[in-house]
Amino acid sequence: MEVEAKLALTAPTSPHQIEALDWTPYQLGPRHDVQQHDTFFDTADLALSKTRHAVRLREGGVTMVVTLKGPGKVAAGVHEREELELPTAAPEPDGWPEEVRAQLRRLIGDQPIQRLLEVRNHRHTWALLHSGQTIGEVALDKGQIIANNRSEPMHELEIELKGGLAEGLVLLSQLVQQQLPAQPEDRSKFARGLALLGIGISEAE
């Protein structure tokens, strides 16, 4: 289960500003930077999206990762949804781990999937600490969502807690909003990409 708070940043926000926030009773660990390239796949007739699922290939880290996200719910920018995430050495669906391909067959049969949209993102991340223990992660994202030769800028903050404590995320989200020009973001990057394609399929139940 993935549980995270998303905040849209309504003014340019730097990593130094994130580090200067009062995170009490939490602290931030050292910063890590990565250039990410996400590609979302679907069938030609959007059969996977119609089941309220999304599959994403992420490049830019130590290894490629494929993630299958299920239907979820969202309230005040806190997103909850099932996900299956595994490393992969293959950029094409035929080479992805069998566990992911089996779930895709269950959802859409043997229909082939193709690239649908992409997200190019410069991500800064920090471990979120409490009493010296890592209890989550904070990520500052800035990039572009690209679909069918159209693009939309993306600038947001994501906060994830281990154990999926939605109540704690609401409090952390409020803490950030008191200090930054930010507001809850109920749309995922994938949903925003679908909107660029003129598609209004809901990801939530």
C-alpha atoms as a PDB file:
ATOM      1  CA  MET A   1       0.000   0.000   0.000  1.00  0.00           C
ATOM      2  CA  GLU A   2       1.351   3.391  -1.032  1.00  0.00           C
ATOM      3  CA  VAL A   3       0.219   6.311   1.133  1.00  0.00           C
ATOM      4  CA  GLU A   4       1.601   9.760   0.401  1.00  0.00           C
ATOM      5  CA  ALA A   5       0.713  13.429   0.625  1.00  0.00           C
ATOM      6  CA  LYS A   6       1.052  15.514  -2.539  1.00  0.00           C
ATOM      7  CA  LEU A   7       1.345  19.295  -2.401  1.00  0.00           C
ATOM      8  CA  ALA A   8       1.339  21.499  -5.487  1.00  0.00           C
ATOM      9  CA  LEU A   9       3.882  24.300  -5.075  1.00  0.00           C
ATOM     10  CA  THR A  10       2.405  27.550  -6.323  1.00  0.00           C
ATOM     11  CA  ALA A  11       5.716  29.442  -6.397  1.00  0.00           C
ATOM     12  CA  PRO A  12       9.283  28.336  -7.234  1.00  0.00           C
ATOM     13  CA  THR A  13      10.634  26.399  -4.257  1.00  0.00           C
ATOM     14  CA  SER A  14      14.270  25.375  -3.850  1.00  0.00           C
ATOM     15  CA  PRO A  15      15.790  22.437  -1.945  1.00  0.00           C
ATOM     16  CA  HIS A  16      17.293  24.959   0.482  1.00  0.00           C
ATOM     17  CA  GLN A  17      13.800  26.218   1.334  1.00  0.00           C
ATOM     18  CA  ILE A  18      12.684  22.661   2.076  1.00  0.00           C
ATOM     19  CA  GLU A  19      15.687  22.177   4.349  1.00  0.00           C
ATOM     20  CA  ALA A  20      14.968  25.485   6.124  1.00  0.00           C
ATOM     21  CA  LEU A  21      11.412  24.478   7.112  1.00  0.00           C
ATOM     22  CA  ASP A  22      10.577  23.726  10.721  1.00  0.00           C
ATOM     23  CA  TRP A  23       9.864  19.974  10.550  1.00  0.00           C
ATOM     24  CA  THR A  24       9.545  19.548  14.338  1.00  0.00           C
ATOM     25  CA  PRO A  25       9.213  16.874  15.719  1.00  0.00           C
ATOM     26  CA  TYR A  26      10.870  15.441  12.592  1.00  0.00           C
ATOM     27  CA  GLN A  27      14.230  16.086  10.924  1.00  0.00           C
ATOM     28  CA  LEU A  28      15.508  15.727   7.366  1.00  0.00           C
ATOM     29  CA  GLY A  29      18.435  13.520   6.422  1.00  0.00           C
ATOM     30  CA  PRO A  30      21.013  14.366   3.713  1.00  0.00           C
ATOM     31  CA  ARG A  31      19.734  15.411   0.303  1.00  0.00           C
ATOM     32  CA  HIS A  32      19.940  13.148  -2.766  1.00  0.00           C
ATOM     33  CA  ASP A  33      19.325  14.294  -6.345  1.00  0.00           C
ATOM     34  CA  VAL A  34      18.266  12.247  -9.372  1.00  0.00           C
ATOM     35  CA  GLN A  35      17.026  12.912 -12.891  1.00  0.00           C
ATOM     36  CA  GLN A  36      14.030  10.640 -13.425  1.00  0.00           C
ATOM     37  CA  HIS A  37      12.305   9.590 -16.630  1.00  0.00           C
ATOM     38  CA  ASP A  38       8.922   7.911 -16.151  1.00  0.00           C
ATOM     39  CA  THR A  39       7.030   6.243 -18.982  1.00  0.00           C
ATOM     40  CA  PHE A  40       3.415   5.127 -18.545  1.00  0.00           C
ATOM     41  CA  PHE A  41       1.995   2.358 -20.749  1.00  0.00           C
ATOM     42  CA  ASP A  42      -1.497   1.313 -21.804  1.00  0.00           C
ATOM     43  CA  THR A  43      -3.318  -0.475 -24.613  1.00  0.00           C
ATOM     44  CA  ALA A  44      -4.443   1.394 -27.706  1.00  0.00           C
ATOM     45  CA  ASP A  45      -7.977   1.645 -26.286  1.00  0.00           C
ATOM     46  CA  LEU A  46      -6.853   2.454 -22.709  1.00  0.00           C
ATOM     47  CA  ALA A  47      -8.042  -0.896 -21.331  1.00  0.00           C
ATOM     48  CA  LEU A  48      -5.698  -0.683 -18.341  1.00  0.00           C
ATOM     49  CA  SER A  49      -6.713   2.859 -17.383  1.00  0.00           C
ATOM     50  CA  LYS A  50     -10.365   1.821 -17.590  1.00  0.00           C
ATOM     51  CA  THR A  51      -9.692  -0.641 -14.764  1.00  0.00           C
ATOM     52  CA  ARG A  52      -8.285   2.329 -12.767  1.00  0.00           C
ATOM     53  CA  HIS A  53      -4.761   0.906 -12.904  1.00  0.00           C
ATOM     54  CA  ALA A  54      -1.523   2.434 -14.197  1.00  0.00           C
ATOM     55  CA  VAL A  55       1.817   0.863 -15.059  1.00  0.00           C
ATOM     56  CA  ARG A  56       5.009   2.920 -15.034  1.00  0.00           C
ATOM     57  CA  LEU A  57       8.623   2.307 -16.002  1.00  0.00           C
ATOM     58  CA  ARG A  58      11.007   4.547 -14.048  1.00  0.00           C
ATOM     59  CA  GLU A  59      14.558   5.194 -15.254  1.00  0.00           C
ATOM     60  CA  GLY A  60      17.262   7.306 -13.658  1.00  0.00           C
ATOM     61  CA  GLY A  61      18.099   5.518 -10.443  1.00  0.00           C
ATOM     62  CA  VAL A  62      20.550   2.713  -9.809  1.00  0.00           C
ATOM     63  CA  THR A  63      18.234   0.367 -11.710  1.00  0.00           C
ATOM     64  CA  MET A  64      15.030   0.641 -13.709  1.00  0.00           C
ATOM     65  CA  VAL A  65      11.841  -0.009 -11.747  1.00  0.00           C
ATOM     66  CA  VAL A  66       8.405  -1.050 -13.006  1.00  0.00           C
ATOM     67  CA  THR A  67       5.379  -0.178 -10.879  1.00  0.00           C
ATOM     68  CA  LEU A  68       1.775  -1.319 -11.224  1.00  0.00           C
ATOM     69  CA  LYS A  69      -0.583   0.968  -9.316  1.00  0.00           C
ATOM     70  CA  GLY A  70      -4.150  -0.029  -8.466  1.00  0.00           C
ATOM     71  CA  PRO A  71      -7.315   1.950  -7.745  1.00  0.00           C
ATOM     72  CA  GLY A  72      -7.119   4.202  -4.741  1.00  0.00           C
ATOM     73  CA  LYS A  73      -8.673   7.046  -2.829  1.00  0.00           C
ATOM     74  CA  VAL A  74      -7.600  10.613  -2.216  1.00  0.00           C
ATOM     75  CA  ALA A  75      -8.620  13.243   0.336  1.00  0.00           C
ATOM     76  CA  ALA A  76      -6.961  16.623   0.953  1.00  0.00           C
ATOM     77  CA  GLY A  77      -3.977  15.621  -1.159  1.00  0.00           C
ATOM     78  CA  VAL A  78      -3.348  12.331   0.697  1.00  0.00           C
ATOM     79  CA  HIS A  79      -3.290   9.451  -1.797  1.00  0.00           C
ATOM     80  CA  GLU A  80      -3.786   5.800  -0.818  1.00  0.00           C
ATOM     81  CA  ARG A  81      -3.486   2.967  -3.338  1.00  0.00           C
ATOM     82  CA  GLU A  82      -2.149  -0.535  -3.784  1.00  0.00           C
ATOM     83  CA  GLU A  83       1.065  -0.865  -5.746  1.00  0.00           C
ATOM     84  CA  LEU A  84       3.425  -3.577  -6.940  1.00  0.00           C
ATOM     85  CA  GLU A  85       6.971  -2.310  -7.562  1.00  0.00           C
ATOM     86  CA  LEU A  86       9.901  -4.406  -8.797  1.00  0.00           C
ATOM     87  CA  PRO A  87      13.330  -3.772 -10.377  1.00  0.00           C
ATOM     88  CA  THR A  88      13.713  -4.662 -14.031  1.00  0.00           C
ATOM     89  CA  ALA A  89      16.569  -4.869 -16.516  1.00  0.00           C
ATOM     90  CA  ALA A  90      14.207  -4.541 -19.486  1.00  0.00           C
ATOM     91  CA  PRO A  91      12.737  -1.307 -20.863  1.00  0.00           C
ATOM     92  CA  GLU A  92      10.024  -3.185 -22.795  1.00  0.00           C
ATOM     93  CA  PRO A  93       6.997  -4.916 -21.225  1.00  0.00           C
ATOM     94  CA  ASP A  94       7.904  -8.365 -22.588  1.00  0.00           C
ATOM     95  CA  GLY A  95      10.980  -8.381 -20.369  1.00  0.00           C
ATOM     96  CA  TRP A  96       9.390  -7.149 -17.146  1.00  0.00           C
ATOM     97  CA  PRO A  97       9.196  -9.416 -14.073  1.00  0.00           C
ATOM     98  CA  GLU A  98       6.648 -12.233 -14.383  1.00  0.00           C
ATOM     99  CA  GLU A  99       4.762 -11.038 -11.304  1.00  0.00           C
ATOM    100  CA  VAL A 100       3.963  -7.736 -13.033  1.00  0.00           C
ATOM    101  CA  ARG A 101       3.134  -9.366 -16.375  1.00  0.00           C
ATOM    102  CA  ALA A 102       0.824 -11.861 -14.644  1.00  0.00           C
ATOM    103  CA  GLN A 103      -1.103  -9.025 -13.016  1.00  0.00           C
ATOM    104  CA  LEU A 104      -1.364  -7.235 -16.364  1.00  0.00           C
ATOM    105  CA  ARG A 105      -2.737 -10.401 -18.003  1.00  0.00           C
ATOM    106  CA  ARG A 106      -5.310 -10.651 -15.222  1.00  0.00           C
ATOM    107  CA  LEU A 107      -6.430  -7.079 -15.928  1.00  0.00           C
ATOM    108  CA  ILE A 108      -6.284  -6.824 -19.727  1.00  0.00           C
ATOM    109  CA  GLY A 109      -5.597 -10.342 -21.044  1.00  0.00           C
ATOM    110  CA  ASP A 110      -2.960 -10.637 -23.751  1.00  0.00           C
ATOM    111  CA  GLN A 111      -3.509  -7.178 -25.210  1.00  0.00           C
ATOM    112  CA  PRO A 112      -0.187  -5.469 -26.026  1.00  0.00           C
ATOM    113  CA  ILE A 113       0.644  -2.238 -24.238  1.00  0.00           C
ATOM    114  CA  GLN A 114       2.494   0.744 -25.669  1.00  0.00           C
ATOM    115  CA  ARG A 115       3.941   4.029 -24.454  1.00  0.00           C
ATOM    116  CA  LEU A 116       1.201   6.491 -23.540  1.00  0.00           C
ATOM    117  CA  LEU A 117       2.837   9.451 -21.786  1.00  0.00           C
ATOM    118  CA  GLU A 118       5.984  10.415 -19.917  1.00  0.00           C
ATOM    119  CA  VAL A 119       7.222  12.503 -17.019  1.00  0.00           C
ATOM    120  CA  ARG A 120      10.695  14.050 -16.916  1.00  0.00           C
ATOM    121  CA  ASN A 121      11.554  15.075 -13.405  1.00  0.00           C
ATOM    122  CA  HIS A 122      14.453  16.491 -11.378  1.00  0.00           C
ATOM    123  CA  ARG A 123      13.861  15.002  -7.923  1.00  0.00           C
ATOM    124  CA  HIS A 124      15.479  15.960  -4.614  1.00  0.00           C
ATOM    125  CA  THR A 125      14.837  13.524  -1.764  1.00  0.00           C
ATOM    126  CA  TRP A 126      15.465  13.463   1.981  1.00  0.00           C
ATOM    127  CA  ALA A 127      14.893  10.742   4.533  1.00  0.00           C
ATOM    128  CA  LEU A 128      12.340  11.882   7.102  1.00  0.00           C
ATOM    129  CA  LEU A 129      13.685  11.132  10.557  1.00  0.00           C
ATOM    130  CA  HIS A 130      12.198  10.909  14.047  1.00  0.00           C
ATOM    131  CA  SER A 131      14.476  10.334  17.036  1.00  0.00           C
ATOM    132  CA  GLY A 132      17.225   9.329  14.611  1.00  0.00           C
ATOM    133  CA  GLN A 133      15.121   6.673  12.873  1.00  0.00           C
ATOM    134  CA  THR A 134      13.966   6.891   9.243  1.00  0.00           C
ATOM    135  CA  ILE A 135      10.179   6.940   9.199  1.00  0.00           C
ATOM    136  CA  GLY A 136       9.520   8.225   5.681  1.00  0.00           C
ATOM    137  CA  GLU A 137      10.721  10.291   2.746  1.00  0.00           C
ATOM    138  CA  VAL A 138      10.272  13.831   1.434  1.00  0.00           C
ATOM    139  CA  ALA A 139      10.628  14.489  -2.312  1.00  0.00           C
ATOM    140  CA  LEU A 140      10.771  17.817  -4.159  1.00  0.00           C
ATOM    141  CA  ASP A 141       9.844  17.381  -7.818  1.00  0.00           C
ATOM    142  CA  LYS A 142      10.189  19.791 -10.730  1.00  0.00           C
ATOM    143  CA  GLY A 143       9.742  18.792 -14.338  1.00  0.00           C
ATOM    144  CA  GLN A 144       7.407  18.265 -17.263  1.00  0.00           C
ATOM    145  CA  ILE A 145       4.490  15.945 -17.972  1.00  0.00           C
ATOM    146  CA  ILE A 146       4.496  15.143 -21.707  1.00  0.00           C
ATOM    147  CA  ALA A 147       1.759  13.526 -23.800  1.00  0.00           C
ATOM    148  CA  ASN A 148       1.059  13.617 -27.538  1.00  0.00           C
ATOM    149  CA  ASN A 149       3.437  16.543 -28.147  1.00  0.00           C
ATOM    150  CA  ARG A 150       1.778  18.551 -25.383  1.00  0.00           C
ATOM    151  CA  SER A 151       3.406  19.324 -22.033  1.00  0.00           C
ATOM    152  CA  GLU A 152       2.572  20.763 -18.651  1.00  0.00           C
ATOM    153  CA  PRO A 153       5.007  21.952 -15.964  1.00  0.00           C
ATOM    154  CA  MET A 154       5.002  20.064 -12.674  1.00  0.00           C
ATOM    155  CA  HIS A 155       6.342  21.352  -9.336  1.00  0.00           C
ATOM    156  CA  GLU A 156       5.286  19.558  -6.181  1.00  0.00           C
ATOM    157  CA  LEU A 157       6.290  18.132  -2.835  1.00  0.00           C
ATOM    158  CA  GLU A 158       5.569  14.526  -1.871  1.00  0.00           C
ATOM    159  CA  ILE A 159       5.727  13.160   1.684  1.00  0.00           C
ATOM    160  CA  GLU A 160       5.551   9.435   2.371  1.00  0.00           C
ATOM    161  CA  LEU A 161       5.466   7.748   5.773  1.00  0.00           C
ATOM    162  CA  LYS A 162       6.426   4.131   6.413  1.00  0.00           C
ATOM    163  CA  GLY A 163       3.434   2.128   7.544  1.00  0.00           C
ATOM    164  CA  GLY A 164       0.941   4.260   5.644  1.00  0.00           C
ATOM    165  CA  LEU A 165      -0.229   6.573   8.426  1.00  0.00           C
ATOM    166  CA  ALA A 166      -2.661   8.895   6.650  1.00  0.00           C
ATOM    167  CA  GLU A 167      -3.389  10.915   9.803  1.00  0.00           C
ATOM    168  CA  GLY A 168       0.294  11.743  10.241  1.00  0.00           C
ATOM    169  CA  LEU A 169       0.522  12.808   6.606  1.00  0.00           C
ATOM    170  CA  VAL A 170      -2.360  15.246   7.025  1.00  0.00           C
ATOM    171  CA  LEU A 171      -0.518  16.886   9.914  1.00  0.00           C
ATOM    172  CA  LEU A 172       2.747  17.028   7.963  1.00  0.00           C
ATOM    173  CA  SER A 173       0.933  18.506   4.980  1.00  0.00           C
ATOM    174  CA  GLN A 174      -0.573  21.206   7.163  1.00  0.00           C
ATOM    175  CA  LEU A 175       2.848  21.930   8.673  1.00  0.00           C
ATOM    176  CA  VAL A 176       4.308  22.520   5.198  1.00  0.00           C
ATOM    177  CA  GLN A 177       1.360  24.638   4.042  1.00  0.00           C
ATOM    178  CA  GLN A 178       1.900  26.966   7.002  1.00  0.00           C
ATOM    179  CA  GLN A 179       5.412  27.705   5.749  1.00  0.00           C
ATOM    180  CA  LEU A 180       5.333  27.429   1.942  1.00  0.00           C
ATOM    181  CA  PRO A 181       3.079  28.548  -0.936  1.00  0.00           C
ATOM    182  CA  ALA A 182       1.583  25.065  -1.312  1.00  0.00           C
ATOM    183  CA  GLN A 183      -1.827  23.461  -1.617  1.00  0.00           C
ATOM    184  CA  PRO A 184      -3.087  19.848  -1.599  1.00  0.00           C
ATOM    185  CA  GLU A 185      -2.831  18.138  -4.994  1.00  0.00           C
ATOM    186  CA  ASP A 186      -5.498  15.505  -5.574  1.00  0.00           C
ATOM    187  CA  ARG A 187      -4.280  14.618  -9.083  1.00  0.00           C
ATOM    188  CA  SER A 188      -1.442  12.202  -9.707  1.00  0.00           C
ATOM    189  CA  LYS A 189       1.115  12.882 -12.433  1.00  0.00           C
ATOM    190  CA  PHE A 190      -0.540  10.132 -14.465  1.00  0.00           C
ATOM    191  CA  ALA A 191      -3.984  11.769 -14.147  1.00  0.00           C
ATOM    192  CA  ARG A 192      -2.503  15.071 -15.300  1.00  0.00           C
ATOM    193  CA  GLY A 193      -0.965  13.314 -18.293  1.00  0.00           C
ATOM    194  CA  LEU A 194      -4.312  11.754 -19.194  1.00  0.00           C
ATOM    195  CA  ALA A 195      -5.855  15.227 -19.041  1.00  0.00           C
ATOM    196  CA  LEU A 196      -3.300  16.420 -21.610  1.00  0.00           C
ATOM    197  CA  LEU A 197      -4.640  13.663 -23.864  1.00  0.00           C
ATOM    198  CA  GLY A 198      -8.207  14.830 -23.240  1.00  0.00           C
ATOM    199  CA  ILE A 199      -8.972  11.703 -21.177  1.00  0.00           C
ATOM    200  CA  GLY A 200     -10.855  12.034 -17.910  1.00  0.00           C
ATOM    201  CA  ILE A 201     -10.644   8.493 -16.517  1.00  0.00           C
ATOM    202  CA  SER A 202     -10.683   8.469 -12.698  1.00  0.00           C
ATOM    203  CA  GLU A 203      -7.893   6.632 -10.856  1.00  0.00           C
ATOM    204  CA  ALA A 204      -9.907   6.437  -7.638  1.00  0.00           C
ATOM    205  CA  GLU A 205     -12.695   4.114  -6.608  1.00  0.00           C
END
